[in-house]
């Protein structure tokens, strides 16, 4: 039996670029067993798509409010999206 997999997009705003947020989010997502990607956006936000169990996605969303030490997160906007087949969690440049 296959485990149910769900996907969410996350938009993180605040002081989240230039502080190691993408690398932090990639490590955090991998530790939670999630697949997907993270990238910087031109507006200064960080965008991520993550696929995995609902529990792991909830954990990632909560952890995104903290981020790495130098980040100042103002908002984490989470939206359910169509699940895509991605092999790992990586940074898109």
PDB file of N, CA and C in Angstrom:
ATOM      1  N   UNK A   1       0.835  -1.190   0.000  1.00  0.00           N
ATOM      2  CA  UNK A   1       0.000   0.000   0.000  1.00  0.00           C
ATOM      3  C   UNK A   1       0.877   1.250   0.000  1.00  0.00           C
ATOM      4  N   UNK A   2       0.560   2.203  -0.848  1.00  0.00           N
ATOM      5  CA  UNK A   2       1.357   3.431  -0.934  1.00  0.00           C
ATOM      6  C   UNK A   2       0.881   4.434   0.110  1.00  0.00           C
ATOM      7  N   UNK A   3       1.846   5.123   0.675  1.00  0.00           N
ATOM      8  CA  UNK A   3       1.530   6.172   1.649  1.00  0.00           C
ATOM      9  C   UNK A   3       0.889   7.351   0.920  1.00  0.00           C
ATOM     10  N   UNK A   4      -0.129   7.948   1.538  1.00  0.00           N
ATOM     11  CA  UNK A   4      -0.737   9.129   0.936  1.00  0.00           C
ATOM     12  C   UNK A   4       0.252  10.278   0.957  1.00  0.00           C
ATOM     13  N   UNK A   5       0.385  10.933  -0.188  1.00  0.00           N
ATOM     14  CA  UNK A   5       1.301  12.053  -0.300  1.00  0.00           C
ATOM     15  C   UNK A   5       0.486  13.291  -0.684  1.00  0.00           C
ATOM     16  N   UNK A   6       0.842  14.393  -0.089  1.00  0.00           N
ATOM     17  CA  UNK A   6       0.175  15.660  -0.340  1.00  0.00           C
ATOM     18  C   UNK A   6       1.238  16.700  -0.649  1.00  0.00           C
ATOM     19  N   UNK A   7       0.826  17.790  -1.285  1.00  0.00           N
ATOM     20  CA  UNK A   7       1.782  18.847  -1.631  1.00  0.00           C
ATOM     21  C   UNK A   7       1.230  20.201  -1.230  1.00  0.00           C
ATOM     22  N   UNK A   8       2.162  21.067  -0.860  1.00  0.00           N
ATOM     23  CA  UNK A   8       1.825  22.459  -0.528  1.00  0.00           C
ATOM     24  C   UNK A   8       2.876  23.371  -1.132  1.00  0.00           C
ATOM     25  N   UNK A   9       2.433  24.566  -1.482  1.00  0.00           N
ATOM     26  CA  UNK A   9       3.394  25.624  -1.782  1.00  0.00           C
ATOM     27  C   UNK A   9       3.496  26.496  -0.534  1.00  0.00           C
ATOM     28  N   UNK A  10       4.676  27.020  -0.315  1.00  0.00           N
ATOM     29  CA  UNK A  10       4.933  27.909   0.818  1.00  0.00           C
ATOM     30  C   UNK A  10       5.579  29.181   0.287  1.00  0.00           C
ATOM     31  N   UNK A  11       5.050  30.321   0.681  1.00  0.00           N
ATOM     32  CA  UNK A  11       5.657  31.610   0.365  1.00  0.00           C
ATOM     33  C   UNK A  11       6.042  32.237   1.690  1.00  0.00           C
ATOM     34  N   UNK A  12       7.345  32.450   1.871  1.00  0.00           N
ATOM     35  CA  UNK A  12       7.864  32.991   3.128  1.00  0.00           C
ATOM     36  C   UNK A  12       8.355  34.407   2.861  1.00  0.00           C
ATOM     37  N   UNK A  13       7.825  35.361   3.620  1.00  0.00           N
ATOM     38  CA  UNK A  13       8.218  36.755   3.433  1.00  0.00           C
ATOM     39  C   UNK A  13       8.882  37.293   4.693  1.00  0.00           C
ATOM     40  N   UNK A  14       9.585  38.397   4.524  1.00  0.00           N
ATOM     41  CA  UNK A  14      10.340  39.028   5.602  1.00  0.00           C
ATOM     42  C   UNK A  14      11.783  39.167   5.156  1.00  0.00           C
ATOM     43  N   UNK A  15      12.696  39.146   6.113  1.00  0.00           N
ATOM     44  CA  UNK A  15      14.129  39.180   5.790  1.00  0.00           C
ATOM     45  C   UNK A  15      14.579  37.730   5.646  1.00  0.00           C
ATOM     46  N   UNK A  16      14.367  37.162   4.427  1.00  0.00           N
ATOM     47  CA  UNK A  16      14.590  35.740   4.209  1.00  0.00           C
ATOM     48  C   UNK A  16      15.561  35.450   3.061  1.00  0.00           C
ATOM     49  N   UNK A  17      16.066  36.475   2.409  1.00  0.00           N
ATOM     50  CA  UNK A  17      17.088  36.262   1.378  1.00  0.00           C
ATOM     51  C   UNK A  17      18.418  36.780   1.893  1.00  0.00           C
ATOM     52  N   UNK A  18      19.490  36.061   1.534  1.00  0.00           N
ATOM     53  CA  UNK A  18      20.827  36.455   1.970  1.00  0.00           C
ATOM     54  C   UNK A  18      21.150  36.026   3.391  1.00  0.00           C
ATOM     55  N   UNK A  19      20.331  35.130   3.961  1.00  0.00           N
ATOM     56  CA  UNK A  19      20.549  34.670   5.338  1.00  0.00           C
ATOM     57  C   UNK A  19      20.649  33.144   5.426  1.00  0.00           C
ATOM     58  N   UNK A  20      20.759  32.472   4.267  1.00  0.00           N
ATOM     59  CA  UNK A  20      20.862  31.014   4.258  1.00  0.00           C
ATOM     60  C   UNK A  20      19.531  30.302   4.391  1.00  0.00           C
ATOM     61  N   UNK A  21      18.434  31.013   4.090  1.00  0.00           N
ATOM     62  CA  UNK A  21      17.107  30.420   4.279  1.00  0.00           C
ATOM     63  C   UNK A  21      16.873  29.223   3.360  1.00  0.00           C
ATOM     64  N   UNK A  22      17.272  29.330   2.088  1.00  0.00           N
ATOM     65  CA  UNK A  22      17.026  28.217   1.156  1.00  0.00           C
ATOM     66  C   UNK A  22      17.751  26.953   1.604  1.00  0.00           C
ATOM     67  N   UNK A  23      19.021  27.066   1.975  1.00  0.00           N
ATOM     68  CA  UNK A  23      19.790  25.896   2.425  1.00  0.00           C
ATOM     69  C   UNK A  23      19.187  25.325   3.708  1.00  0.00           C
ATOM     70  N   UNK A  24      18.773  26.207   4.612  1.00  0.00           N
ATOM     71  CA  UNK A  24      18.143  25.764   5.857  1.00  0.00           C
ATOM     72  C   UNK A  24      16.851  25.007   5.562  1.00  0.00           C
ATOM     73  N   UNK A  25      16.010  25.566   4.670  1.00  0.00           N
ATOM     74  CA  UNK A  25      14.742  24.930   4.353  1.00  0.00           C
ATOM     75  C   UNK A  25      14.976  23.582   3.665  1.00  0.00           C
ATOM     76  N   UNK A  26      15.969  23.501   2.780  1.00  0.00           N
ATOM     77  CA  UNK A  26      16.270  22.239   2.115  1.00  0.00           C
ATOM     78  C   UNK A  26      16.662  21.168   3.143  1.00  0.00           C
ATOM     79  N   UNK A  27      17.566  21.497   4.055  1.00  0.00           N
ATOM     80  CA  UNK A  27      17.978  20.535   5.090  1.00  0.00           C
ATOM     81  C   UNK A  27      16.799  20.120   5.967  1.00  0.00           C
ATOM     82  N   UNK A  28      15.992  21.100   6.369  1.00  0.00           N
ATOM     83  CA  UNK A  28      14.838  20.830   7.223  1.00  0.00           C
ATOM     84  C   UNK A  28      13.847  19.916   6.519  1.00  0.00           C
ATOM     85  N   UNK A  29      13.547  20.210   5.262  1.00  0.00           N
ATOM     86  CA  UNK A  29      12.597  19.389   4.497  1.00  0.00           C
ATOM     87  C   UNK A  29      13.126  17.972   4.313  1.00  0.00           C
ATOM     88  N   UNK A  30      14.402  17.843   4.000  1.00  0.00           N
ATOM     89  CA  UNK A  30      14.994  16.506   3.837  1.00  0.00           C
ATOM     90  C   UNK A  30      14.919  15.722   5.149  1.00  0.00           C
ATOM     91  N   UNK A  31      15.201  16.387   6.263  1.00  0.00           N
ATOM     92  CA  UNK A  31      15.129  15.718   7.575  1.00  0.00           C
ATOM     93  C   UNK A  31      13.709  15.235   7.884  1.00  0.00           C
ATOM     94  N   UNK A  32      12.713  15.907   7.334  1.00  0.00           N
ATOM     95  CA  UNK A  32      11.314  15.525   7.540  1.00  0.00           C
ATOM     96  C   UNK A  32      10.845  14.500   6.507  1.00  0.00           C
ATOM     97  N   UNK A  33      11.728  14.113   5.588  1.00  0.00           N
ATOM     98  CA  UNK A  33      11.365  13.138   4.570  1.00  0.00           C
ATOM     99  C   UNK A  33      10.544  13.711   3.427  1.00  0.00           C
ATOM    100  N   UNK A  34      10.624  15.018   3.226  1.00  0.00           N
ATOM    101  CA  UNK A  34       9.852  15.676   2.171  1.00  0.00           C
ATOM    102  C   UNK A  34      10.646  15.760   0.873  1.00  0.00           C
ATOM    103  N   UNK A  35       9.919  15.901  -0.208  1.00  0.00           N
ATOM    104  CA  UNK A  35      10.512  16.117  -1.530  1.00  0.00           C
ATOM    105  C   UNK A  35       9.995  17.442  -2.057  1.00  0.00           C
ATOM    106  N   UNK A  36      10.762  18.068  -2.944  1.00  0.00           N
ATOM    107  CA  UNK A  36      10.319  19.329  -3.529  1.00  0.00           C
ATOM    108  C   UNK A  36      11.482  20.225  -3.846  1.00  0.00           C
ATOM    109  N   UNK A  37      11.247  21.534  -3.779  1.00  0.00           N
ATOM    110  CA  UNK A  37      12.306  22.495  -4.079  1.00  0.00           C
ATOM    111  C   UNK A  37      12.020  23.820  -3.384  1.00  0.00           C
ATOM    112  N   UNK A  38      13.055  24.647  -3.328  1.00  0.00           N
ATOM    113  CA  UNK A  38      12.958  25.987  -2.756  1.00  0.00           C
ATOM    114  C   UNK A  38      13.735  26.941  -3.651  1.00  0.00           C
ATOM    115  N   UNK A  39      13.255  28.174  -3.779  1.00  0.00           N
ATOM    116  CA  UNK A  39      13.949  29.172  -4.598  1.00  0.00           C
ATOM    117  C   UNK A  39      13.637  30.578  -4.088  1.00  0.00           C
ATOM    118  N   UNK A  40      14.525  31.519  -4.425  1.00  0.00           N
ATOM    119  CA  UNK A  40      14.288  32.928  -4.143  1.00  0.00           C
ATOM    120  C   UNK A  40      13.365  33.498  -5.209  1.00  0.00           C
ATOM    121  N   UNK A  41      12.574  34.479  -4.817  1.00  0.00           N
ATOM    122  CA  UNK A  41      11.688  35.177  -5.744  1.00  0.00           C
ATOM    123  C   UNK A  41      12.170  36.611  -5.919  1.00  0.00           C
ATOM    124  N   UNK A  42      11.888  37.222  -7.081  1.00  0.00           N
ATOM    125  CA  UNK A  42      12.337  38.599  -7.328  1.00  0.00           C
ATOM    126  C   UNK A  42      11.820  39.609  -6.311  1.00  0.00           C
ATOM    127  N   UNK A  43      10.672  39.330  -5.675  1.00  0.00           N
ATOM    128  CA  UNK A  43      10.095  40.277  -4.707  1.00  0.00           C
ATOM    129  C   UNK A  43      10.737  40.187  -3.324  1.00  0.00           C
ATOM    130  N   UNK A  44      11.763  39.316  -3.169  1.00  0.00           N
ATOM    131  CA  UNK A  44      12.448  39.188  -1.884  1.00  0.00           C
ATOM    132  C   UNK A  44      11.932  38.056  -1.020  1.00  0.00           C
ATOM    133  N   UNK A  45      10.893  37.366  -1.475  1.00  0.00           N
ATOM    134  CA  UNK A  45      10.356  36.238  -0.717  1.00  0.00           C
ATOM    135  C   UNK A  45      11.095  34.957  -1.102  1.00  0.00           C
ATOM    136  N   UNK A  46      10.805  33.904  -0.356  1.00  0.00           N
ATOM    137  CA  UNK A  46      11.296  32.564  -0.670  1.00  0.00           C
ATOM    138  C   UNK A  46      10.071  31.713  -0.979  1.00  0.00           C
ATOM    139  N   UNK A  47      10.150  30.928  -2.071  1.00  0.00           N
ATOM    140  CA  UNK A  47       9.046  30.073  -2.499  1.00  0.00           C
ATOM    141  C   UNK A  47       9.496  28.621  -2.421  1.00  0.00           C
ATOM    142  N   UNK A  48       8.639  27.757  -1.910  1.00  0.00           N
ATOM    143  CA  UNK A  48       8.949  26.329  -1.842  1.00  0.00           C
ATOM    144  C   UNK A  48       7.717  25.520  -2.208  1.00  0.00           C
ATOM    145  N   UNK A  49       7.964  24.356  -2.800  1.00  0.00           N
ATOM    146  CA  UNK A  49       6.930  23.349  -2.983  1.00  0.00           C
ATOM    147  C   UNK A  49       7.426  22.098  -2.289  1.00  0.00           C
ATOM    148  N   UNK A  50       6.572  21.490  -1.478  1.00  0.00           N
ATOM    149  CA  UNK A  50       6.956  20.307  -0.707  1.00  0.00           C
ATOM    150  C   UNK A  50       5.885  19.242  -0.825  1.00  0.00           C
ATOM    151  N   UNK A  51       6.333  17.985  -0.909  1.00  0.00           N
ATOM    152  CA  UNK A  51       5.445  16.836  -1.013  1.00  0.00           C
ATOM    153  C   UNK A  51       5.814  15.823   0.057  1.00  0.00           C
ATOM    154  N   UNK A  52       4.798  15.294   0.737  1.00  0.00           N
ATOM    155  CA  UNK A  52       5.037  14.288   1.764  1.00  0.00           C
ATOM    156  C   UNK A  52       3.777  14.050   2.573  1.00  0.00           C
ATOM    157  N   UNK A  53       3.971  13.528   3.770  1.00  0.00           N
ATOM    158  CA  UNK A  53       2.824  13.253   4.636  1.00  0.00           C
ATOM    159  C   UNK A  53       2.261  14.565   5.178  1.00  0.00           C
ATOM    160  N   UNK A  54       0.963  14.584   5.493  1.00  0.00           N
ATOM    161  CA  UNK A  54       0.379  15.797   6.072  1.00  0.00           C
ATOM    162  C   UNK A  54       1.102  16.242   7.350  1.00  0.00           C
ATOM    163  N   UNK A  55       1.522  15.269   8.175  1.00  0.00           N
ATOM    164  CA  UNK A  55       2.208  15.608   9.429  1.00  0.00           C
ATOM    165  C   UNK A  55       3.545  16.307   9.157  1.00  0.00           C
ATOM    166  N   UNK A  56       4.317  15.784   8.195  1.00  0.00           N
ATOM    167  CA  UNK A  56       5.609  16.394   7.869  1.00  0.00           C
ATOM    168  C   UNK A  56       5.412  17.778   7.259  1.00  0.00           C
ATOM    169  N   UNK A  57       4.387  17.933   6.425  1.00  0.00           N
ATOM    170  CA  UNK A  57       4.106  19.245   5.838  1.00  0.00           C
ATOM    171  C   UNK A  57       3.716  20.254   6.915  1.00  0.00           C
ATOM    172  N   UNK A  58       2.912  19.820   7.885  1.00  0.00           N
ATOM    173  CA  UNK A  58       2.548  20.702   9.005  1.00  0.00           C
ATOM    174  C   UNK A  58       3.794  21.126   9.775  1.00  0.00           C
ATOM    175  N   UNK A  59       4.687  20.166  10.030  1.00  0.00           N
ATOM    176  CA  UNK A  59       5.922  20.479  10.765  1.00  0.00           C
ATOM    177  C   UNK A  59       6.763  21.488   9.996  1.00  0.00           C
ATOM    178  N   UNK A  60       6.918  21.267   8.687  1.00  0.00           N
ATOM    179  CA  UNK A  60       7.717  22.191   7.883  1.00  0.00           C
ATOM    180  C   UNK A  60       7.124  23.591   7.939  1.00  0.00           C
ATOM    181  N   UNK A  61       5.814  23.683   7.789  1.00  0.00           N
ATOM    182  CA  UNK A  61       5.161  24.996   7.822  1.00  0.00           C
ATOM    183  C   UNK A  61       5.440  25.712   9.139  1.00  0.00           C
ATOM    184  N   UNK A  62       5.345  25.005  10.250  1.00  0.00           N
ATOM    185  CA  UNK A  62       5.616  25.618  11.555  1.00  0.00           C
ATOM    186  C   UNK A  62       7.082  26.028  11.682  1.00  0.00           C
ATOM    187  N   UNK A  63       7.995  25.169  11.235  1.00  0.00           N
ATOM    188  CA  UNK A  63       9.425  25.475  11.326  1.00  0.00           C
ATOM    189  C   UNK A  63       9.815  26.656  10.442  1.00  0.00           C
ATOM    190  N   UNK A  64       9.097  26.858   9.334  1.00  0.00           N
ATOM    191  CA  UNK A  64       9.403  27.980   8.437  1.00  0.00           C
ATOM    192  C   UNK A  64       9.241  29.333   9.122  1.00  0.00           C
ATOM    193  N   UNK A  65       8.428  29.391  10.173  1.00  0.00           N
ATOM    194  CA  UNK A  65       8.284  30.640  10.928  1.00  0.00           C
ATOM    195  C   UNK A  65       9.572  31.003  11.662  1.00  0.00           C
ATOM    196  N   UNK A  66      10.403  30.009  11.960  1.00  0.00           N
ATOM    197  CA  UNK A  66      11.671  30.271  12.648  1.00  0.00           C
ATOM    198  C   UNK A  66      12.781  30.523  11.647  1.00  0.00           C
ATOM    199  N   UNK A  67      13.000  29.570  10.743  1.00  0.00           N
ATOM    200  CA  UNK A  67      14.067  29.711   9.768  1.00  0.00           C
ATOM    201  C   UNK A  67      15.435  29.711  10.421  1.00  0.00           C
ATOM    202  N   UNK A  68      16.467  30.057   9.643  1.00  0.00           N
ATOM    203  CA  UNK A  68      17.815  30.141  10.209  1.00  0.00           C
ATOM    204  C   UNK A  68      17.934  31.351  11.140  1.00  0.00           C
ATOM    205  N   UNK A  69      19.000  31.404  11.899  1.00  0.00           N
ATOM    206  CA  UNK A  69      19.169  32.404  12.967  1.00  0.00           C
ATOM    207  C   UNK A  69      18.990  33.847  12.504  1.00  0.00           C
ATOM    208  N   UNK A  70      19.499  34.200  11.325  1.00  0.00           N
ATOM    209  CA  UNK A  70      19.457  35.608  10.890  1.00  0.00           C
ATOM    210  C   UNK A  70      18.170  35.994  10.171  1.00  0.00           C
ATOM    211  N   UNK A  71      17.297  35.041   9.930  1.00  0.00           N
ATOM    212  CA  UNK A  71      16.039  35.345   9.228  1.00  0.00           C
ATOM    213  C   UNK A  71      15.051  36.046  10.158  1.00  0.00           C
ATOM    214  N   UNK A  72      14.249  36.919   9.562  1.00  0.00           N
ATOM    215  CA  UNK A  72      13.129  37.544  10.265  1.00  0.00           C
ATOM    216  C   UNK A  72      11.895  37.277   9.405  1.00  0.00           C
ATOM    217  N   UNK A  73      11.110  36.296   9.813  1.00  0.00           N
ATOM    218  CA  UNK A  73       9.955  35.868   9.015  1.00  0.00           C
ATOM    219  C   UNK A  73       8.733  36.688   9.404  1.00  0.00           C
ATOM    220  N   UNK A  74       8.094  37.283   8.397  1.00  0.00           N
ATOM    221  CA  UNK A  74       6.881  38.070   8.642  1.00  0.00           C
ATOM    222  C   UNK A  74       5.624  37.267   8.339  1.00  0.00           C
ATOM    223  N   UNK A  75       5.710  36.359   7.338  1.00  0.00           N
ATOM    224  CA  UNK A  75       4.524  35.587   6.953  1.00  0.00           C
ATOM    225  C   UNK A  75       4.945  34.279   6.300  1.00  0.00           C
ATOM    226  N   UNK A  76       4.161  33.232   6.552  1.00  0.00           N
ATOM    227  CA  UNK A  76       4.288  31.953   5.849  1.00  0.00           C
ATOM    228  C   UNK A  76       2.906  31.639   5.291  1.00  0.00           C
ATOM    229  N   UNK A  77       2.789  31.713   3.975  1.00  0.00           N
ATOM    230  CA  UNK A  77       1.519  31.453   3.306  1.00  0.00           C
ATOM    231  C   UNK A  77       1.576  30.055   2.704  1.00  0.00           C
ATOM    232  N   UNK A  78       0.715  29.169   3.170  1.00  0.00           N
ATOM    233  CA  UNK A  78       0.689  27.768   2.741  1.00  0.00           C
ATOM    234  C   UNK A  78      -0.567  27.509   1.928  1.00  0.00           C
ATOM    235  N   UNK A  79      -0.388  26.885   0.742  1.00  0.00           N
ATOM    236  CA  UNK A  79      -1.504  26.597  -0.145  1.00  0.00           C
ATOM    237  C   UNK A  79      -1.389  25.170  -0.669  1.00  0.00           C
ATOM    238  N   UNK A  80      -2.463  24.366  -0.573  1.00  0.00           N
ATOM    239  CA  UNK A  80      -2.419  23.031  -1.177  1.00  0.00           C
ATOM    240  C   UNK A  80      -2.259  23.143  -2.696  1.00  0.00           C
ATOM    241  N   UNK A  81      -1.442  22.270  -3.270  1.00  0.00           N
ATOM    242  CA  UNK A  81      -1.227  22.255  -4.720  1.00  0.00           C
ATOM    243  C   UNK A  81      -1.292  20.816  -5.220  1.00  0.00           C
ATOM    244  N   UNK A  82      -1.329  20.666  -6.539  1.00  0.00           N
ATOM    245  CA  UNK A  82      -1.323  19.340  -7.143  1.00  0.00           C
ATOM    246  C   UNK A  82       0.028  18.677  -6.876  1.00  0.00           C
ATOM    247  N   UNK A  83      -0.005  17.403  -6.490  1.00  0.00           N
ATOM    248  CA  UNK A  83       1.220  16.675  -6.179  1.00  0.00           C
ATOM    249  C   UNK A  83       1.995  16.365  -7.444  1.00  0.00           C
ATOM    250  N   UNK A  84       3.292  16.672  -7.420  1.00  0.00           N
ATOM    251  CA  UNK A  84       4.195  16.389  -8.538  1.00  0.00           C
ATOM    252  C   UNK A  84       5.166  15.303  -8.118  1.00  0.00           C
ATOM    253  N   UNK A  85       5.723  14.616  -9.105  1.00  0.00           N
ATOM    254  CA  UNK A  85       6.714  13.578  -8.814  1.00  0.00           C
ATOM    255  C   UNK A  85       8.102  14.222  -8.825  1.00  0.00           C
ATOM    256  N   UNK A  86       8.688  14.393  -7.661  1.00  0.00           N
ATOM    257  CA  UNK A  86      10.040  14.944  -7.517  1.00  0.00           C
ATOM    258  C   UNK A  86      10.829  13.959  -6.674  1.00  0.00           C
ATOM    259  N   UNK A  87      12.053  13.691  -7.066  1.00  0.00           N
ATOM    260  CA  UNK A  87      12.859  12.646  -6.428  1.00  0.00           C
ATOM    261  C   UNK A  87      13.446  13.042  -5.074  1.00  0.00           C
ATOM    262  N   UNK A  88      13.772  14.308  -4.885  1.00  0.00           N
ATOM    263  CA  UNK A  88      14.446  14.730  -3.656  1.00  0.00           C
ATOM    264  C   UNK A  88      13.998  16.145  -3.306  1.00  0.00           C
ATOM    265  N   UNK A  89      14.686  16.777  -2.384  1.00  0.00           N
ATOM    266  CA  UNK A  89      14.425  18.201  -2.091  1.00  0.00           C
ATOM    267  C   UNK A  89      15.669  18.966  -2.469  1.00  0.00           C
ATOM    268  N   UNK A  90      15.520  19.998  -3.298  1.00  0.00           N
ATOM    269  CA  UNK A  90      16.688  20.720  -3.808  1.00  0.00           C
ATOM    270  C   UNK A  90      16.415  22.223  -3.894  1.00  0.00           C
ATOM    271  N   UNK A  91      17.494  22.954  -4.112  1.00  0.00           N
ATOM    272  CA  UNK A  91      17.415  24.403  -4.315  1.00  0.00           C
ATOM    273  C   UNK A  91      17.381  24.658  -5.811  1.00  0.00           C
ATOM    274  N   UNK A  92      16.399  25.456  -6.245  1.00  0.00           N
ATOM    275  CA  UNK A  92      16.362  25.914  -7.633  1.00  0.00           C
ATOM    276  C   UNK A  92      16.959  27.305  -7.678  1.00  0.00           C
ATOM    277  N   UNK A  93      17.850  27.509  -8.620  1.00  0.00           N
ATOM    278  CA  UNK A  93      18.503  28.812  -8.745  1.00  0.00           C
ATOM    279  C   UNK A  93      17.774  29.681  -9.746  1.00  0.00           C
TER     280      UNK A  93
END
